């Protein structure tokens, strides 16, 4: 009679299988959450645009702008903030990518 080691006949670890399924489920739930947040933001933006149609002009020192609806000014401010935020992150992102490439080259050397 021959005996085989228990590790060779044991099925795959249940923790690995459950980790994979939790990973997939987590990604699906994260995508659903992102889509729901985007829908809420789009609806809120549409309501904001509909509700704020009164034209206003902005004054800065001696400059007076053309009158535009408040919703346009808010959208312009939001877009400007996004552009400034992305520009502020650009330096650290480029530095991180440079460091990753340098470390990758170090790993690839024989």
N, C-alpha and C. Protein backbone atom coordinates (compact mmCIF):
# COMPACT_ATOMS: atom_id res chain seq x y z
N UNK A 1 0.83 -1.18 0.00
CA UNK A 1 0.00 0.00 0.00
C UNK A 1 0.88 1.24 0.00
N UNK A 2 0.60 2.16 -0.91
CA UNK A 2 1.39 3.38 -1.02
C UNK A 2 0.57 4.56 -0.51
N UNK A 3 1.18 5.39 0.27
CA UNK A 3 0.49 6.59 0.77
C UNK A 3 1.06 7.81 0.07
N UNK A 4 0.20 8.73 -0.19
CA UNK A 4 0.65 9.98 -0.81
C UNK A 4 0.59 11.09 0.22
N UNK A 5 1.43 12.06 0.12
CA UNK A 5 1.40 13.17 1.06
C UNK A 5 0.08 13.93 0.95
N UNK A 6 -0.39 14.41 2.07
CA UNK A 6 -1.68 15.10 2.12
C UNK A 6 -1.67 16.38 1.29
N UNK A 7 -0.53 17.03 1.20
CA UNK A 7 -0.47 18.30 0.46
C UNK A 7 -0.67 18.11 -1.03
N UNK A 8 -0.29 16.95 -1.58
CA UNK A 8 -0.42 16.74 -3.00
C UNK A 8 -1.86 16.44 -3.40
N UNK A 9 -2.66 15.87 -2.49
CA UNK A 9 -4.04 15.54 -2.83
C UNK A 9 -5.02 16.60 -2.35
N UNK A 10 -4.55 17.56 -1.60
CA UNK A 10 -5.46 18.59 -1.07
C UNK A 10 -5.87 19.53 -2.20
N UNK A 11 -7.13 19.97 -2.19
CA UNK A 11 -7.58 20.91 -3.21
C UNK A 11 -6.90 22.27 -3.02
N UNK A 12 -7.06 23.13 -4.00
CA UNK A 12 -6.48 24.47 -3.93
C UNK A 12 -6.98 25.18 -2.68
N UNK A 13 -6.15 26.00 -2.16
CA UNK A 13 -6.47 26.72 -0.93
C UNK A 13 -7.74 27.54 -1.10
N UNK A 14 -8.72 27.38 -0.19
CA UNK A 14 -9.96 28.14 -0.33
C UNK A 14 -9.72 29.64 -0.17
N UNK A 15 -8.70 30.02 0.58
CA UNK A 15 -8.46 31.45 0.77
C UNK A 15 -8.02 32.10 -0.54
N UNK A 16 -7.25 31.41 -1.39
CA UNK A 16 -6.85 31.98 -2.67
C UNK A 16 -8.05 32.15 -3.58
N UNK A 17 -8.91 31.15 -3.62
CA UNK A 17 -10.09 31.22 -4.47
C UNK A 17 -11.02 32.33 -4.00
N UNK A 18 -11.25 32.43 -2.70
CA UNK A 18 -12.14 33.47 -2.20
C UNK A 18 -11.54 34.85 -2.38
N UNK A 19 -10.21 34.96 -2.30
CA UNK A 19 -9.56 36.25 -2.51
C UNK A 19 -9.77 36.73 -3.94
N UNK A 20 -9.68 35.81 -4.90
CA UNK A 20 -9.90 36.19 -6.29
C UNK A 20 -11.33 36.65 -6.51
N UNK A 21 -12.29 35.93 -5.96
CA UNK A 21 -13.69 36.31 -6.16
C UNK A 21 -14.00 37.61 -5.44
N UNK A 22 -13.40 37.84 -4.28
CA UNK A 22 -13.61 39.10 -3.58
C UNK A 22 -12.99 40.23 -4.38
N UNK A 23 -11.84 39.99 -5.01
CA UNK A 23 -11.21 41.00 -5.85
C UNK A 23 -12.09 41.40 -7.01
N UNK A 24 -12.66 40.41 -7.69
CA UNK A 24 -13.58 40.70 -8.80
C UNK A 24 -14.81 41.43 -8.31
N UNK A 25 -15.38 40.95 -7.21
CA UNK A 25 -16.57 41.59 -6.66
C UNK A 25 -16.26 43.02 -6.24
N UNK A 26 -15.10 43.23 -5.66
CA UNK A 26 -14.69 44.57 -5.26
C UNK A 26 -14.57 45.50 -6.45
N UNK A 27 -13.98 45.00 -7.54
CA UNK A 27 -13.86 45.83 -8.74
C UNK A 27 -15.22 46.16 -9.32
N UNK A 28 -16.11 45.18 -9.34
CA UNK A 28 -17.45 45.42 -9.88
C UNK A 28 -18.19 46.44 -9.02
N UNK A 29 -18.11 46.27 -7.70
CA UNK A 29 -18.78 47.22 -6.80
C UNK A 29 -18.18 48.62 -6.92
N UNK A 30 -16.86 48.69 -7.09
CA UNK A 30 -16.21 49.99 -7.24
C UNK A 30 -16.68 50.67 -8.53
N UNK A 31 -16.79 49.91 -9.61
CA UNK A 31 -17.27 50.49 -10.88
C UNK A 31 -18.71 50.97 -10.75
N UNK A 32 -19.54 50.18 -10.08
CA UNK A 32 -20.93 50.59 -9.87
C UNK A 32 -20.98 51.87 -9.05
N UNK A 33 -20.16 51.95 -8.01
CA UNK A 33 -20.13 53.15 -7.16
C UNK A 33 -19.68 54.36 -7.96
N UNK A 34 -18.67 54.20 -8.82
CA UNK A 34 -18.20 55.32 -9.64
C UNK A 34 -19.29 55.78 -10.60
N UNK A 35 -19.98 54.84 -11.22
CA UNK A 35 -21.05 55.20 -12.15
C UNK A 35 -22.18 55.93 -11.40
N UNK A 36 -22.54 55.45 -10.22
CA UNK A 36 -23.59 56.12 -9.44
C UNK A 36 -23.18 57.53 -9.04
N UNK A 37 -21.93 57.69 -8.62
CA UNK A 37 -21.45 59.03 -8.25
C UNK A 37 -21.47 59.95 -9.47
N UNK A 38 -21.04 59.45 -10.63
CA UNK A 38 -21.07 60.27 -11.84
C UNK A 38 -22.49 60.67 -12.21
N UNK A 39 -23.42 59.75 -12.08
CA UNK A 39 -24.82 60.08 -12.38
C UNK A 39 -25.33 61.17 -11.44
N UNK A 40 -25.02 61.06 -10.15
CA UNK A 40 -25.46 62.07 -9.18
C UNK A 40 -24.83 63.43 -9.51
N UNK A 41 -23.55 63.44 -9.86
CA UNK A 41 -22.87 64.70 -10.19
C UNK A 41 -23.46 65.32 -11.45
N UNK A 42 -23.75 64.52 -12.45
CA UNK A 42 -24.34 65.04 -13.69
C UNK A 42 -25.73 65.60 -13.42
N UNK A 43 -26.53 64.90 -12.64
CA UNK A 43 -27.88 65.40 -12.31
C UNK A 43 -27.79 66.70 -11.51
N UNK A 44 -26.87 66.73 -10.53
CA UNK A 44 -26.71 67.95 -9.73
C UNK A 44 -26.24 69.11 -10.60
N UNK A 45 -25.33 68.85 -11.53
CA UNK A 45 -24.87 69.90 -12.43
C UNK A 45 -25.97 70.39 -13.34
N UNK A 46 -26.82 69.49 -13.83
CA UNK A 46 -27.93 69.89 -14.68
C UNK A 46 -28.92 70.74 -13.90
N UNK A 47 -29.23 70.31 -12.67
CA UNK A 47 -30.14 71.11 -11.84
C UNK A 47 -29.55 72.48 -11.51
N UNK A 48 -28.26 72.51 -11.25
CA UNK A 48 -27.59 73.77 -10.97
C UNK A 48 -27.65 74.70 -12.18
N UNK A 49 -27.44 74.15 -13.37
CA UNK A 49 -27.48 74.95 -14.59
C UNK A 49 -28.89 75.46 -14.88
N UNK A 50 -29.88 74.63 -14.63
CA UNK A 50 -31.27 75.04 -14.88
C UNK A 50 -31.70 76.11 -13.90
N UNK A 51 -31.26 75.97 -12.65
CA UNK A 51 -31.72 76.87 -11.59
C UNK A 51 -30.98 78.20 -11.56
N UNK A 52 -29.82 78.30 -12.18
CA UNK A 52 -29.02 79.52 -12.11
C UNK A 52 -28.81 80.12 -13.49
N UNK A 53 -29.85 80.66 -14.07
CA UNK A 53 -29.77 81.25 -15.40
C UNK A 53 -29.65 82.77 -15.38
N UNK A 54 -29.61 83.37 -14.20
CA UNK A 54 -29.52 84.82 -14.10
C UNK A 54 -28.14 85.28 -14.55
N UNK A 55 -28.08 86.18 -15.53
CA UNK A 55 -26.76 86.65 -15.98
C UNK A 55 -26.13 87.58 -14.94
N UNK A 56 -24.86 87.38 -14.69
CA UNK A 56 -24.10 88.24 -13.78
C UNK A 56 -22.77 88.57 -14.44
N UNK A 57 -22.23 89.72 -14.08
CA UNK A 57 -20.90 90.08 -14.55
C UNK A 57 -19.98 90.15 -13.34
N UNK A 58 -18.76 89.71 -13.53
CA UNK A 58 -17.78 89.71 -12.46
C UNK A 58 -16.89 90.94 -12.58
N UNK A 59 -16.50 91.48 -11.44
CA UNK A 59 -15.61 92.64 -11.42
C UNK A 59 -14.34 92.27 -10.69
N UNK A 60 -13.20 92.62 -11.31
CA UNK A 60 -11.90 92.43 -10.69
C UNK A 60 -11.10 93.68 -10.96
N UNK A 61 -10.81 94.42 -9.90
CA UNK A 61 -10.16 95.73 -9.98
C UNK A 61 -10.97 96.62 -10.93
N UNK A 62 -10.41 96.97 -12.09
CA UNK A 62 -11.16 97.83 -13.02
C UNK A 62 -11.79 97.06 -14.16
N UNK A 63 -11.58 95.76 -14.20
CA UNK A 63 -12.11 94.94 -15.29
C UNK A 63 -13.51 94.45 -14.92
N UNK A 64 -14.44 94.62 -15.85
CA UNK A 64 -15.80 94.10 -15.69
C UNK A 64 -16.06 93.14 -16.85
N UNK A 65 -16.44 91.91 -16.52
CA UNK A 65 -16.66 90.90 -17.56
C UNK A 65 -18.03 91.05 -18.20
N UNK A 66 -18.21 90.33 -19.30
CA UNK A 66 -19.53 90.27 -19.92
C UNK A 66 -20.46 89.50 -19.00
N UNK A 67 -21.74 89.83 -19.00
CA UNK A 67 -22.67 89.06 -18.15
C UNK A 67 -22.94 87.66 -18.73
N UNK A 68 -22.67 86.66 -17.93
CA UNK A 68 -22.95 85.26 -18.26
C UNK A 68 -23.80 84.67 -17.15
N UNK A 69 -24.54 83.59 -17.44
CA UNK A 69 -25.31 82.93 -16.38
C UNK A 69 -24.38 82.41 -15.27
N UNK A 70 -24.89 82.37 -14.06
CA UNK A 70 -24.11 81.92 -12.91
C UNK A 70 -23.60 80.49 -13.14
N UNK A 71 -24.41 79.66 -13.77
CA UNK A 71 -24.00 78.27 -14.00
C UNK A 71 -22.75 78.21 -14.87
N UNK A 72 -22.60 79.10 -15.84
CA UNK A 72 -21.41 79.13 -16.68
C UNK A 72 -20.19 79.51 -15.86
N UNK A 73 -20.34 80.51 -14.99
CA UNK A 73 -19.22 80.92 -14.14
C UNK A 73 -18.80 79.78 -13.21
N UNK A 74 -19.79 79.06 -12.67
CA UNK A 74 -19.47 77.94 -11.78
C UNK A 74 -18.76 76.82 -12.54
N UNK A 75 -19.24 76.53 -13.74
CA UNK A 75 -18.59 75.49 -14.55
C UNK A 75 -17.17 75.91 -14.93
N UNK A 76 -16.98 77.18 -15.24
CA UNK A 76 -15.65 77.68 -15.58
C UNK A 76 -14.71 77.59 -14.37
N UNK A 77 -15.22 77.93 -13.19
CA UNK A 77 -14.40 77.83 -11.98
C UNK A 77 -14.05 76.37 -11.68
N UNK A 78 -14.99 75.48 -11.84
CA UNK A 78 -14.74 74.06 -11.60
C UNK A 78 -13.71 73.53 -12.58
N UNK A 79 -13.88 73.83 -13.86
CA UNK A 79 -12.93 73.38 -14.88
C UNK A 79 -11.54 73.95 -14.64
N UNK A 80 -11.48 75.22 -14.25
CA UNK A 80 -10.18 75.83 -13.94
C UNK A 80 -9.51 75.14 -12.76
N UNK A 81 -10.30 74.78 -11.75
CA UNK A 81 -9.75 74.07 -10.60
C UNK A 81 -9.22 72.71 -10.97
N UNK A 82 -9.92 72.03 -11.87
CA UNK A 82 -9.45 70.71 -12.33
C UNK A 82 -8.12 70.85 -13.06
N UNK A 83 -8.02 71.85 -13.93
CA UNK A 83 -6.79 72.06 -14.69
C UNK A 83 -5.63 72.41 -13.76
N UNK A 84 -5.87 73.31 -12.80
CA UNK A 84 -4.82 73.69 -11.86
C UNK A 84 -4.41 72.50 -11.00
N UNK A 85 -5.37 71.69 -10.55
CA UNK A 85 -5.06 70.51 -9.75
C UNK A 85 -4.24 69.49 -10.52
N UNK A 86 -4.59 69.25 -11.77
CA UNK A 86 -3.82 68.32 -12.59
C UNK A 86 -2.42 68.84 -12.85
N UNK A 87 -2.30 70.14 -13.09
CA UNK A 87 -0.97 70.73 -13.31
C UNK A 87 -0.12 70.62 -12.05
N UNK A 88 -0.74 70.78 -10.89
CA UNK A 88 0.00 70.68 -9.63
C UNK A 88 0.50 69.25 -9.39
N UNK A 89 -0.23 68.26 -9.84
CA UNK A 89 0.16 66.85 -9.65
C UNK A 89 1.14 66.38 -10.71
N UNK A 90 1.28 67.11 -11.79
CA UNK A 90 2.10 66.66 -12.91
C UNK A 90 3.55 66.45 -12.52
N UNK A 91 4.13 67.34 -11.72
CA UNK A 91 5.52 67.22 -11.31
C UNK A 91 5.78 65.97 -10.49
N UNK A 92 4.95 65.71 -9.50
CA UNK A 92 5.15 64.53 -8.66
C UNK A 92 4.88 63.25 -9.45
N UNK A 93 3.94 63.28 -10.37
CA UNK A 93 3.66 62.11 -11.20
C UNK A 93 4.85 61.80 -12.11
N UNK A 94 5.43 62.82 -12.73
CA UNK A 94 6.59 62.62 -13.59
C UNK A 94 7.77 62.09 -12.78
N UNK A 95 7.98 62.62 -11.58
CA UNK A 95 9.07 62.18 -10.72
C UNK A 95 8.87 60.71 -10.32
N UNK A 96 7.63 60.33 -10.00
CA UNK A 96 7.35 58.94 -9.62
C UNK A 96 7.59 57.99 -10.79
N UNK A 97 7.17 58.37 -11.98
CA UNK A 97 7.39 57.51 -13.15
C UNK A 97 8.88 57.37 -13.46
N UNK A 98 9.63 58.47 -13.30
CA UNK A 98 11.07 58.41 -13.52
C UNK A 98 11.71 57.44 -12.53
N UNK A 99 11.29 57.51 -11.28
CA UNK A 99 11.85 56.63 -10.25
C UNK A 99 11.49 55.16 -10.53
N UNK A 100 10.27 54.90 -10.97
CA UNK A 100 9.85 53.53 -11.31
C UNK A 100 10.71 52.98 -12.45
N UNK A 101 10.93 53.80 -13.48
CA UNK A 101 11.76 53.35 -14.61
C UNK A 101 13.19 53.05 -14.15
N UNK A 102 13.73 53.91 -13.29
CA UNK A 102 15.09 53.72 -12.79
C UNK A 102 15.18 52.42 -11.98
N UNK A 103 14.20 52.17 -11.12
CA UNK A 103 14.19 50.95 -10.32
C UNK A 103 13.99 49.71 -11.20
N UNK A 104 13.17 49.83 -12.24
CA UNK A 104 12.94 48.72 -13.16
C UNK A 104 14.24 48.37 -13.89
N UNK A 105 15.00 49.40 -14.31
CA UNK A 105 16.27 49.15 -14.96
C UNK A 105 17.24 48.45 -14.01
N UNK A 106 17.20 48.84 -12.74
CA UNK A 106 18.07 48.21 -11.75
C UNK A 106 17.72 46.73 -11.58
N UNK A 107 16.43 46.42 -11.61
CA UNK A 107 16.00 45.02 -11.48
C UNK A 107 16.36 44.21 -12.72
N UNK A 108 16.31 44.83 -13.89
CA UNK A 108 16.56 44.12 -15.14
C UNK A 108 18.04 43.85 -15.38
N UNK A 109 18.92 44.57 -14.69
CA UNK A 109 20.36 44.35 -14.89
C UNK A 109 20.75 42.97 -14.39
N UNK A 110 21.68 42.30 -15.12
CA UNK A 110 22.09 40.95 -14.70
C UNK A 110 23.00 40.97 -13.49
